[in-house]
Amino acid sequence: MSNNDYFTIAYKILSYLKYCYENGQDTDPNILKADTFDYIAATIHSHATDAK
């Protein structure tokens, strides 16, 4: 699967929103810039591995 196909991008956006919701953080509307998707993926991955 490509890193920039629809389902990958939708997953990253929804995962970011879920993470913010579950941790009581406000979302950043600037996060929807294309260059931030790698940051989102890295943040979610690091928090997921910390939780294990």
PDB file of N, CA and C in Angstrom:
ATOM      1  N   MET A   1       0.851  -1.172   0.000  1.00  0.00           N
ATOM      2  CA  MET A   1       0.000   0.000   0.000  1.00  0.00           C
ATOM      3  C   MET A   1       0.898   1.237   0.000  1.00  0.00           C
ATOM      4  N   SER A   2       0.511   2.193  -0.781  1.00  0.00           N
ATOM      5  CA  SER A   2       1.274   3.431  -0.890  1.00  0.00           C
ATOM      6  C   SER A   2       1.114   4.275   0.376  1.00  0.00           C
ATOM      7  N   ASN A   3       2.112   5.049   0.677  1.00  0.00           N
ATOM      8  CA  ASN A   3       2.085   5.886   1.875  1.00  0.00           C
ATOM      9  C   ASN A   3       1.186   7.107   1.708  1.00  0.00           C
ATOM     10  N   ASN A   4       0.747   7.384   0.484  1.00  0.00           N
ATOM     11  CA  ASN A   4      -0.080   8.568   0.268  1.00  0.00           C
ATOM     12  C   ASN A   4      -1.414   8.237  -0.399  1.00  0.00           C
ATOM     13  N   ASP A   5      -1.863   6.992  -0.303  1.00  0.00           N
ATOM     14  CA  ASP A   5      -3.174   6.680  -0.863  1.00  0.00           C
ATOM     15  C   ASP A   5      -4.275   7.106   0.113  1.00  0.00           C
ATOM     16  N   TYR A   6      -5.497   7.082  -0.342  1.00  0.00           N
ATOM     17  CA  TYR A   6      -6.627   7.597   0.424  1.00  0.00           C
ATOM     18  C   TYR A   6      -6.740   6.959   1.807  1.00  0.00           C
ATOM     19  N   PHE A   7      -6.677   5.642   1.857  1.00  0.00           N
ATOM     20  CA  PHE A   7      -6.901   4.942   3.123  1.00  0.00           C
ATOM     21  C   PHE A   7      -5.782   5.207   4.128  1.00  0.00           C
ATOM     22  N   THR A   8      -4.557   5.331   3.655  1.00  0.00           N
ATOM     23  CA  THR A   8      -3.447   5.629   4.544  1.00  0.00           C
ATOM     24  C   THR A   8      -3.588   7.030   5.132  1.00  0.00           C
ATOM     25  N   ILE A   9      -3.936   7.992   4.293  1.00  0.00           N
ATOM     26  CA  ILE A   9      -4.102   9.369   4.768  1.00  0.00           C
ATOM     27  C   ILE A   9      -5.291   9.464   5.716  1.00  0.00           C
ATOM     28  N   ALA A  10      -6.399   8.814   5.367  1.00  0.00           N
ATOM     29  CA  ALA A  10      -7.579   8.836   6.244  1.00  0.00           C
ATOM     30  C   ALA A  10      -7.250   8.201   7.589  1.00  0.00           C
ATOM     31  N   TYR A  11      -6.508   7.104   7.594  1.00  0.00           N
ATOM     32  CA  TYR A  11      -6.119   6.445   8.836  1.00  0.00           C
ATOM     33  C   TYR A  11      -5.278   7.369   9.705  1.00  0.00           C
ATOM     34  N   LYS A  12      -4.316   8.068   9.098  1.00  0.00           N
ATOM     35  CA  LYS A  12      -3.448   8.959   9.857  1.00  0.00           C
ATOM     36  C   LYS A  12      -4.228  10.111  10.469  1.00  0.00           C
ATOM     37  N   ILE A  13      -5.143  10.682   9.697  1.00  0.00           N
ATOM     38  CA  ILE A  13      -5.945  11.793  10.216  1.00  0.00           C
ATOM     39  C   ILE A  13      -6.836  11.317  11.357  1.00  0.00           C
ATOM     40  N   LEU A  14      -7.534  10.220  11.144  1.00  0.00           N
ATOM     41  CA  LEU A  14      -8.439   9.717  12.180  1.00  0.00           C
ATOM     42  C   LEU A  14      -7.679   9.253  13.418  1.00  0.00           C
ATOM     43  N   SER A  15      -6.513   8.679  13.236  1.00  0.00           N
ATOM     44  CA  SER A  15      -5.702   8.257  14.376  1.00  0.00           C
ATOM     45  C   SER A  15      -5.246   9.466  15.190  1.00  0.00           C
ATOM     46  N   TYR A  16      -4.872  10.528  14.508  1.00  0.00           N
ATOM     47  CA  TYR A  16      -4.476  11.759  15.200  1.00  0.00           C
ATOM     48  C   TYR A  16      -5.653  12.319  15.992  1.00  0.00           C
ATOM     49  N   LEU A  17      -6.817  12.383  15.381  1.00  0.00           N
ATOM     50  CA  LEU A  17      -7.996  12.907  16.073  1.00  0.00           C
ATOM     51  C   LEU A  17      -8.363  12.043  17.276  1.00  0.00           C
ATOM     52  N   LYS A  18      -8.280  10.727  17.127  1.00  0.00           N
ATOM     53  CA  LYS A  18      -8.585   9.818  18.229  1.00  0.00           C
ATOM     54  C   LYS A  18      -7.574   9.993  19.361  1.00  0.00           C
ATOM     55  N   TYR A  19      -6.312  10.121  19.021  1.00  0.00           N
ATOM     56  CA  TYR A  19      -5.274  10.314  20.029  1.00  0.00           C
ATOM     57  C   TYR A  19      -5.538  11.588  20.825  1.00  0.00           C
ATOM     58  N   CYS A  20      -5.845  12.674  20.125  1.00  0.00           N
ATOM     59  CA  CYS A  20      -6.122  13.944  20.800  1.00  0.00           C
ATOM     60  C   CYS A  20      -7.348  13.832  21.691  1.00  0.00           C
ATOM     61  N   TYR A  21      -8.371  13.188  21.206  1.00  0.00           N
ATOM     62  CA  TYR A  21      -9.602  13.019  21.978  1.00  0.00           C
ATOM     63  C   TYR A  21      -9.355  12.210  23.246  1.00  0.00           C
ATOM     64  N   GLU A  22      -8.651  11.093  23.110  1.00  0.00           N
ATOM     65  CA  GLU A  22      -8.421  10.221  24.254  1.00  0.00           C
ATOM     66  C   GLU A  22      -7.497  10.839  25.299  1.00  0.00           C
ATOM     67  N   ASN A  23      -6.655  11.765  24.884  1.00  0.00           N
ATOM     68  CA  ASN A  23      -5.696  12.378  25.804  1.00  0.00           C
ATOM     69  C   ASN A  23      -6.077  13.801  26.187  1.00  0.00           C
ATOM     70  N   GLY A  24      -7.269  14.221  25.806  1.00  0.00           N
ATOM     71  CA  GLY A  24      -7.765  15.530  26.199  1.00  0.00           C
ATOM     72  C   GLY A  24      -7.003  16.696  25.613  1.00  0.00           C
ATOM     73  N   GLN A  25      -6.402  16.504  24.455  1.00  0.00           N
ATOM     74  CA  GLN A  25      -5.637  17.575  23.819  1.00  0.00           C
ATOM     75  C   GLN A  25      -6.477  18.245  22.743  1.00  0.00           C
ATOM     76  N   ASP A  26      -6.225  19.530  22.528  1.00  0.00           N
ATOM     77  CA  ASP A  26      -6.864  20.231  21.424  1.00  0.00           C
ATOM     78  C   ASP A  26      -6.156  19.863  20.130  1.00  0.00           C
ATOM     79  N   THR A  27      -6.927  19.776  19.063  1.00  0.00           N
ATOM     80  CA  THR A  27      -6.332  19.472  17.771  1.00  0.00           C
ATOM     81  C   THR A  27      -5.765  20.744  17.150  1.00  0.00           C
ATOM     82  N   ASP A  28      -4.775  20.563  16.316  1.00  0.00           N
ATOM     83  CA  ASP A  28      -4.149  21.665  15.609  1.00  0.00           C
ATOM     84  C   ASP A  28      -4.624  21.637  14.156  1.00  0.00           C
ATOM     85  N   PRO A  29      -5.374  22.659  13.706  1.00  0.00           N
ATOM     86  CA  PRO A  29      -5.879  22.639  12.326  1.00  0.00           C
ATOM     87  C   PRO A  29      -4.766  22.686  11.286  1.00  0.00           C
ATOM     88  N   ASN A  30      -3.596  23.140  11.665  1.00  0.00           N
ATOM     89  CA  ASN A  30      -2.474  23.180  10.714  1.00  0.00           C
ATOM     90  C   ASN A  30      -1.876  21.800  10.472  1.00  0.00           C
ATOM     91  N   ILE A  31      -2.337  20.825  11.213  1.00  0.00           N
ATOM     92  CA  ILE A  31      -1.790  19.476  11.103  1.00  0.00           C
ATOM     93  C   ILE A  31      -2.136  18.826   9.755  1.00  0.00           C
ATOM     94  N   LEU A  32      -3.087  19.376   9.051  1.00  0.00           N
ATOM     95  CA  LEU A  32      -3.510  18.780   7.784  1.00  0.00           C
ATOM     96  C   LEU A  32      -2.607  19.142   6.619  1.00  0.00           C
ATOM     97  N   LYS A  33      -1.476  19.758   6.885  1.00  0.00           N
ATOM     98  CA  LYS A  33      -0.503  20.016   5.828  1.00  0.00           C
ATOM     99  C   LYS A  33       0.144  18.688   5.442  1.00  0.00           C
ATOM    100  N   ALA A  34       0.487  18.564   4.184  1.00  0.00           N
ATOM    101  CA  ALA A  34       1.042  17.305   3.686  1.00  0.00           C
ATOM    102  C   ALA A  34       2.342  16.923   4.378  1.00  0.00           C
ATOM    103  N   ASP A  35       3.161  17.878   4.741  1.00  0.00           N
ATOM    104  CA  ASP A  35       4.458  17.542   5.342  1.00  0.00           C
ATOM    105  C   ASP A  35       4.357  17.097   6.794  1.00  0.00           C
ATOM    106  N   THR A  36       3.188  17.184   7.393  1.00  0.00           N
ATOM    107  CA  THR A  36       3.047  16.778   8.789  1.00  0.00           C
ATOM    108  C   THR A  36       2.596  15.333   8.959  1.00  0.00           C
ATOM    109  N   PHE A  37       2.222  14.660   7.895  1.00  0.00           N
ATOM    110  CA  PHE A  37       1.728  13.296   8.037  1.00  0.00           C
ATOM    111  C   PHE A  37       2.805  12.344   8.558  1.00  0.00           C
ATOM    112  N   ASP A  38       4.037  12.560   8.182  1.00  0.00           N
ATOM    113  CA  ASP A  38       5.110  11.723   8.725  1.00  0.00           C
ATOM    114  C   ASP A  38       5.257  11.956  10.220  1.00  0.00           C
ATOM    115  N   TYR A  39       5.091  13.196  10.661  1.00  0.00           N
ATOM    116  CA  TYR A  39       5.151  13.505  12.092  1.00  0.00           C
ATOM    117  C   TYR A  39       4.017  12.810  12.844  1.00  0.00           C
ATOM    118  N   ILE A  40       2.814  12.841  12.283  1.00  0.00           N
ATOM    119  CA  ILE A  40       1.666  12.190  12.921  1.00  0.00           C
ATOM    120  C   ILE A  40       1.945  10.700  13.082  1.00  0.00           C
ATOM    121  N   ALA A  41       2.400  10.078  12.020  1.00  0.00           N
ATOM    122  CA  ALA A  41       2.667   8.643  12.067  1.00  0.00           C
ATOM    123  C   ALA A  41       3.737   8.320  13.111  1.00  0.00           C
ATOM    124  N   ALA A  42       4.773   9.130  13.174  1.00  0.00           N
ATOM    125  CA  ALA A  42       5.843   8.888  14.148  1.00  0.00           C
ATOM    126  C   ALA A  42       5.341   9.077  15.575  1.00  0.00           C
ATOM    127  N   THR A  43       4.519  10.092  15.799  1.00  0.00           N
ATOM    128  CA  THR A  43       3.993  10.366  17.136  1.00  0.00           C
ATOM    129  C   THR A  43       3.085   9.238  17.606  1.00  0.00           C
ATOM    130  N   ILE A  44       2.182   8.824  16.756  1.00  0.00           N
ATOM    131  CA  ILE A  44       1.260   7.751  17.111  1.00  0.00           C
ATOM    132  C   ILE A  44       2.016   6.455  17.357  1.00  0.00           C
ATOM    133  N   HIS A  45       2.992   6.181  16.508  1.00  0.00           N
ATOM    134  CA  HIS A  45       3.767   4.949  16.665  1.00  0.00           C
ATOM    135  C   HIS A  45       4.559   4.964  17.973  1.00  0.00           C
ATOM    136  N   SER A  46       5.161   6.102  18.289  1.00  0.00           N
ATOM    137  CA  SER A  46       5.960   6.148  19.525  1.00  0.00           C
ATOM    138  C   SER A  46       5.086   6.009  20.760  1.00  0.00           C
ATOM    139  N   HIS A  47       3.889   6.593  20.736  1.00  0.00           N
ATOM    140  CA  HIS A  47       2.990   6.466  21.882  1.00  0.00           C
ATOM    141  C   HIS A  47       2.394   5.058  21.978  1.00  0.00           C
ATOM    142  N   ALA A  48       2.186   4.440  20.840  1.00  0.00           N
ATOM    143  CA  ALA A  48       1.648   3.077  20.856  1.00  0.00           C
ATOM    144  C   ALA A  48       2.680   2.098  21.417  1.00  0.00           C
ATOM    145  N   THR A  49       3.949   2.292  21.085  1.00  0.00           N
ATOM    146  CA  THR A  49       4.963   1.398  21.605  1.00  0.00           C
ATOM    147  C   THR A  49       5.252   1.666  23.067  1.00  0.00           C
ATOM    148  N   ASP A  50       5.068   2.925  23.510  1.00  0.00           N
ATOM    149  CA  ASP A  50       5.249   3.248  24.933  1.00  0.00           C
ATOM    150  C   ASP A  50       4.163   2.616  25.791  1.00  0.00           C
ATOM    151  N   ALA A  51       2.973   2.455  25.237  1.00  0.00           N
ATOM    152  CA  ALA A  51       1.836   1.913  25.997  1.00  0.00           C
ATOM    153  C   ALA A  51       1.947   0.411  26.216  1.00  0.00           C
ATOM    154  N   LYS A  52       2.775  -0.247  25.442  1.00  0.00           N
ATOM    155  CA  LYS A  52       2.877  -1.716  25.555  1.00  0.00           C
ATOM    156  C   LYS A  52       3.677  -2.134  26.733  1.00  0.00           C
TER     157      LYS A  52
END
